[in-house]
C-alpha atoms as a PDB file:
ATOM      1  CA  MET A   1      95.645 102.049  77.750  1.00  0.00           C
ATOM      2  CA  ASP A   2      97.415  98.701  77.906  1.00  0.00           C
ATOM      3  CA  VAL A   3      96.656  95.775  80.209  1.00  0.00           C
ATOM      4  CA  ALA A   4      99.523  96.602  82.583  1.00  0.00           C
ATOM      5  CA  GLU A   5      97.953  99.993  83.326  1.00  0.00           C
ATOM      6  CA  GLN A   6      94.553  98.414  84.005  1.00  0.00           C
ATOM      7  CA  THR A   7      95.807  95.709  86.367  1.00  0.00           C
ATOM      8  CA  PRO A   8      96.396  97.040  89.887  1.00  0.00           C
ATOM      9  CA  ALA A   9      99.677  96.289  91.646  1.00  0.00           C
ATOM     10  CA  PRO A  10      99.432  93.518  94.266  1.00  0.00           C
ATOM     11  CA  GLU A  11      99.735  96.078  97.084  1.00  0.00           C
ATOM     12  CA  GLN A  12      96.964  98.184  95.549  1.00  0.00           C
ATOM     13  CA  ALA A  13      94.716  95.147  95.077  1.00  0.00           C
ATOM     14  CA  GLY A  14      95.323  94.133  98.700  1.00  0.00           C
ATOM     15  CA  ARG A  15      94.417  97.593  99.929  1.00  0.00           C
ATOM     16  CA  ARG A  16      91.231  97.586  97.842  1.00  0.00           C
ATOM     17  CA  ARG A  17      90.300  94.244  99.392  1.00  0.00           C
ATOM     18  CA  CYS A  18      91.047  95.623 102.863  1.00  0.00           C
ATOM     19  CA  ILE A  19      88.957  98.772 102.414  1.00  0.00           C
ATOM     20  CA  SER A  20      86.105  96.788 100.877  1.00  0.00           C
ATOM     21  CA  LEU A  21      86.000  94.302 103.754  1.00  0.00           C
ATOM     22  CA  LEU A  22      86.248  97.075 106.356  1.00  0.00           C
ATOM     23  CA  ALA A  23      83.256  98.811 104.745  1.00  0.00           C
ATOM     24  CA  ARG A  24      81.253  95.557 104.950  1.00  0.00           C
ATOM     25  CA  ALA A  25      82.317  94.742 108.517  1.00  0.00           C
ATOM     26  CA  THR A  26      79.827  95.251 111.312  1.00  0.00           C
ATOM     27  CA  SER A  27      80.385  97.692 114.132  1.00  0.00           C
ATOM     28  CA  ASP A  28      80.563  94.773 116.576  1.00  0.00           C
ATOM     29  CA  GLU A  29      83.251  92.991 114.525  1.00  0.00           C
ATOM     30  CA  LEU A  30      85.401  96.105 114.426  1.00  0.00           C
ATOM     31  CA  GLY A  31      84.765  96.894 118.092  1.00  0.00           C
ATOM     32  CA  THR A  32      85.793  93.398 119.182  1.00  0.00           C
ATOM     33  CA  ALA A  33      88.987  93.600 117.131  1.00  0.00           C
ATOM     34  CA  TRP A  34      89.753  97.047 118.600  1.00  0.00           C
ATOM     35  CA  GLU A  35      89.279  95.787 122.163  1.00  0.00           C
ATOM     36  CA  GLY A  36      91.596  92.859 121.430  1.00  0.00           C
ATOM     37  CA  LEU A  37      94.369  95.132 120.160  1.00  0.00           C
ATOM     38  CA  ALA A  38      97.046  95.247 122.878  1.00  0.00           C
ATOM     39  CA  ASP A  39      98.860  98.425 121.794  1.00  0.00           C
ATOM     40  CA  LYS A  40      96.202 100.873 120.680  1.00  0.00           C
ATOM     41  CA  PRO A  41      97.741 103.544 118.441  1.00  0.00           C
ATOM     42  CA  ASP A  42      97.391 107.263 119.000  1.00  0.00           C
ATOM     43  CA  THR A  43      95.334 108.780 116.209  1.00  0.00           C
ATOM     44  CA  ARG A  44      94.577 112.250 114.941  1.00  0.00           C
ATOM     45  CA  ALA A  45      91.436 113.042 112.989  1.00  0.00           C
ATOM     46  CA  VAL A  46      92.160 114.532 109.576  1.00  0.00           C
ATOM     47  CA  ARG A  47      88.515 114.578 108.465  1.00  0.00           C
ATOM     48  CA  GLY A  48      85.354 113.424 110.182  1.00  0.00           C
ATOM     49  CA  PRO A  49      83.842 111.119 110.862  1.00  0.00           C
ATOM     50  CA  GLU A  50      81.137 112.947 108.997  1.00  0.00           C
ATOM     51  CA  THR A  51      77.856 111.869 107.471  1.00  0.00           C
ATOM     52  CA  GLY A  52      76.437 113.053 104.175  1.00  0.00           C
ATOM     53  CA  LEU A  53      74.572 111.964 101.081  1.00  0.00           C
ATOM     54  CA  VAL A  54      75.755 110.549  97.785  1.00  0.00           C
ATOM     55  CA  MET A  55      73.716 110.212  94.620  1.00  0.00           C
ATOM     56  CA  VAL A  56      73.169 106.617  93.545  1.00  0.00           C
ATOM     57  CA  ARG A  57      73.052 106.213  89.788  1.00  0.00           C
ATOM     58  CA  GLY A  58      71.613 103.398  87.731  1.00  0.00           C
ATOM     59  CA  ARG A  59      71.524 102.457  84.065  1.00  0.00           C
ATOM     60  CA  ILE A  60      68.432 101.590  82.094  1.00  0.00           C
ATOM     61  CA  GLY A  61      68.600  97.872  81.372  1.00  0.00           C
ATOM     62  CA  GLY A  62      71.924  97.627  83.190  1.00  0.00           C
ATOM     63  CA  GLY A  63      73.910  99.182  80.345  1.00  0.00           C
ATOM     64  CA  GLY A  64      71.801 101.932  78.868  1.00  0.00           C
ATOM     65  CA  SER A  65      71.385 105.587  79.678  1.00  0.00           C
ATOM     66  CA  PRO A  66      72.329 106.600  83.235  1.00  0.00           C
ATOM     67  CA  PHE A  67      69.738 108.051  85.592  1.00  0.00           C
ATOM     68  CA  ASN A  68      69.691 109.222  89.214  1.00  0.00           C
ATOM     69  CA  LEU A  69      68.150 106.486  91.338  1.00  0.00           C
ATOM     70  CA  GLY A  70      68.185 108.360  94.637  1.00  0.00           C
ATOM     71  CA  GLU A  71      70.397 109.357  97.537  1.00  0.00           C
ATOM     72  CA  ALA A  72      72.163 107.146 100.068  1.00  0.00           C
ATOM     73  CA  THR A  73      73.520 108.119 103.479  1.00  0.00           C
ATOM     74  CA  VAL A  74      77.271 107.591 103.762  1.00  0.00           C
ATOM     75  CA  THR A  75      79.711 108.209 106.591  1.00  0.00           C
ATOM     76  CA  ARG A  76      83.415 108.788 105.953  1.00  0.00           C
ATOM     77  CA  ALA A  77      86.526 109.387 108.019  1.00  0.00           C
ATOM     78  CA  THR A  78      90.209 110.036 107.446  1.00  0.00           C
ATOM     79  CA  LEU A  79      92.740 109.835 110.245  1.00  0.00           C
ATOM     80  CA  SER A  80      96.446 109.759 110.822  1.00  0.00           C
ATOM     81  CA  LEU A  81      98.444 107.453 113.060  1.00  0.00           C
ATOM     82  CA  GLN A  82     101.313 108.862 115.096  1.00  0.00           C
ATOM     83  CA  SER A  83     103.671 107.306 112.526  1.00  0.00           C
ATOM     84  CA  GLY A  84     102.094 109.466 109.801  1.00  0.00           C
ATOM     85  CA  THR A  85     100.198 106.661 108.060  1.00  0.00           C
ATOM     86  CA  ILE A  86      96.824 107.861 106.771  1.00  0.00           C
ATOM     87  CA  GLY A  87      93.728 105.647 106.967  1.00  0.00           C
ATOM     88  CA  HIS A  88      90.487 106.197 105.069  1.00  0.00           C
ATOM     89  CA  ALA A  89      87.060 104.608 105.452  1.00  0.00           C
ATOM     90  CA  GLN A  90      83.570 104.986 104.048  1.00  0.00           C
ATOM     91  CA  ALA A  91      80.429 103.002 104.765  1.00  0.00           C
ATOM     92  CA  LEU A  92      76.731 103.226 104.088  1.00  0.00           C
ATOM     93  CA  GLY A  93      74.734 104.495 107.045  1.00  0.00           C
ATOM     94  CA  THR A  94      75.441 106.796 109.957  1.00  0.00           C
ATOM     95  CA  ASP A  95      77.620 104.672 112.266  1.00  0.00           C
ATOM     96  CA  LYS A  96      80.503 107.076 112.986  1.00  0.00           C
ATOM     97  CA  ARG A  97      82.223 104.721 115.450  1.00  0.00           C
ATOM     98  CA  LYS A  98      82.335 101.947 112.859  1.00  0.00           C
ATOM     99  CA  VAL A  99      83.828 104.215 110.200  1.00  0.00           C
ATOM    100  CA  ARG A 100      86.406 105.640 112.622  1.00  0.00           C
ATOM    101  CA  LEU A 101      87.526 102.129 113.579  1.00  0.00           C
ATOM    102  CA  ALA A 102      87.594 101.080 109.916  1.00  0.00           C
ATOM    103  CA  ALA A 103      89.886 104.030 109.132  1.00  0.00           C
ATOM    104  CA  ILE A 104      92.181 103.026 112.012  1.00  0.00           C
ATOM    105  CA  PHE A 105      92.352  99.440 110.759  1.00  0.00           C
ATOM    106  CA  ASP A 106      93.023 100.668 107.216  1.00  0.00           C
ATOM    107  CA  ALA A 107      96.003 102.639 108.512  1.00  0.00           C
ATOM    108  CA  LEU A 108      97.182  99.674 110.612  1.00  0.00           C
ATOM    109  CA  TRP A 109      96.896  97.369 107.573  1.00  0.00           C
ATOM    110  CA  GLN A 110      99.314  99.644 105.708  1.00  0.00           C
ATOM    111  CA  GLU A 111     102.000  99.203 108.385  1.00  0.00           C
ATOM    112  CA  GLU A 112     104.080  96.017 108.235  1.00  0.00           C
ATOM    113  CA  MET A 113     104.110  95.456 112.016  1.00  0.00           C
ATOM    114  CA  THR A 114     100.314  95.376 112.372  1.00  0.00           C
ATOM    115  CA  ARG A 115      99.198  94.038 108.987  1.00  0.00           C
ATOM    116  CA  ASP A 116      99.066  90.405 110.175  1.00  0.00           C
ATOM    117  CA  TYR A 117      96.826  91.369 113.114  1.00  0.00           C
ATOM    118  CA  VAL A 118      94.405  93.213 110.824  1.00  0.00           C
ATOM    119  CA  GLU A 119      94.395  90.332 108.325  1.00  0.00           C
ATOM    120  CA  SER A 120      93.827  87.568 110.897  1.00  0.00           C
ATOM    121  CA  VAL A 121      91.613  89.266 113.483  1.00  0.00           C
ATOM    122  CA  VAL A 122      89.618  91.714 111.371  1.00  0.00           C
ATOM    123  CA  LEU A 123      89.569  90.843 107.681  1.00  0.00           C
ATOM    124  CA  SER A 124      89.515  87.011 107.745  1.00  0.00           C
ATOM    125  CA  PRO A 125      86.451  86.745 110.027  1.00  0.00           C
ATOM    126  CA  VAL A 126      84.596  89.349 107.952  1.00  0.00           C
ATOM    127  CA  GLU A 127      85.509  87.509 104.740  1.00  0.00           C
ATOM    128  CA  ASP A 128      84.344  84.196 106.275  1.00  0.00           C
ATOM    129  CA  ARG A 129      81.031  85.739 107.410  1.00  0.00           C
ATOM    130  CA  ILE A 130      80.372  87.235 103.976  1.00  0.00           C
ATOM    131  CA  ALA A 131      81.187  83.915 102.255  1.00  0.00           C
ATOM    132  CA  ALA A 132      78.834  82.049 104.624  1.00  0.00           C
ATOM    133  CA  GLU A 133      76.044  84.569 103.991  1.00  0.00           C
ATOM    134  CA  GLU A 134      76.503  84.298 100.223  1.00  0.00           C
ATOM    135  CA  LYS A 135      76.531  80.491 100.416  1.00  0.00           C
ATOM    136  CA  ALA A 136      73.330  80.448 102.478  1.00  0.00           C
ATOM    137  CA  LYS A 137      71.666  82.813 100.022  1.00  0.00           C
ATOM    138  CA  ALA A 138      72.773  80.663  97.067  1.00  0.00           C
ATOM    139  CA  GLU A 139      71.418  77.515  98.754  1.00  0.00           C
ATOM    140  CA  GLU A 140      68.133  79.264  99.526  1.00  0.00           C
ATOM    141  CA  THR A 141      67.854  80.391  95.923  1.00  0.00           C
ATOM    142  CA  ALA A 142      68.787  76.938  94.576  1.00  0.00           C
ATOM    143  CA  ALA A 143      65.989  75.385  96.638  1.00  0.00           C
ATOM    144  CA  THR A 144      63.446  77.353  94.601  1.00  0.00           C
ATOM    145  CA  ARG A 145      64.965  76.480  91.234  1.00  0.00           C
ATOM    146  CA  VAL A 146      62.646  74.949  88.684  1.00  0.00           C
ATOM    147  CA  ASP A 147      64.044  72.991  85.744  1.00  0.00           C
ATOM    148  CA  PHE A 148      61.985  73.268  82.593  1.00  0.00           C
ATOM    149  CA  PHE A 149      62.454  70.880  79.744  1.00  0.00           C
ATOM    150  CA  THR A 150      60.824  70.312  76.402  1.00  0.00           C
ATOM    151  CA  MET A 151      59.805  66.885  75.309  1.00  0.00           C
ATOM    152  CA  VAL A 152      59.739  66.346  71.573  1.00  0.00           C
ATOM    153  CA  ARG A 153      56.876  64.187  70.316  1.00  0.00           C
ATOM    154  CA  GLY A 154      57.105  62.645  66.938  1.00  0.00           C
ATOM    155  CA  ASP A 155      59.146  63.878  64.028  1.00  0.00           C
ATOM    156  CA  ASP A 156      58.934  67.560  63.273  1.00  0.00           C
END
């Protein structure tokens, strides 16, 4: 497999980013964006939203033999806009409303006319919140950092 096959196309990378951010968005963030949408699209459920379990796997030492760590609750949904665009969403937990809205916004992101709305009103605030949370966590961790040093005495 060459490098060109491993590197996703820009559109594919953008969609991965979109789906990832929608999965990490809160129900309130998605609900607020939905309420602010002037022309709400007609949707048809293709699958779900439905809740189930997935097996979480780990690796001994981070790279060793795989083992089953346990199960996690996941909710997923697939829906179709009236235009035929299909949206998918998955998220940890049991919040069916959140996953349904995430699937709608995934489908809207795929359409040229609504992509800017999804980017500016949904994805950018979620990305900003995540960056702020990660920065706060990094600062909190840095505050507990201890620098060790060795002082050499004499000639060894």
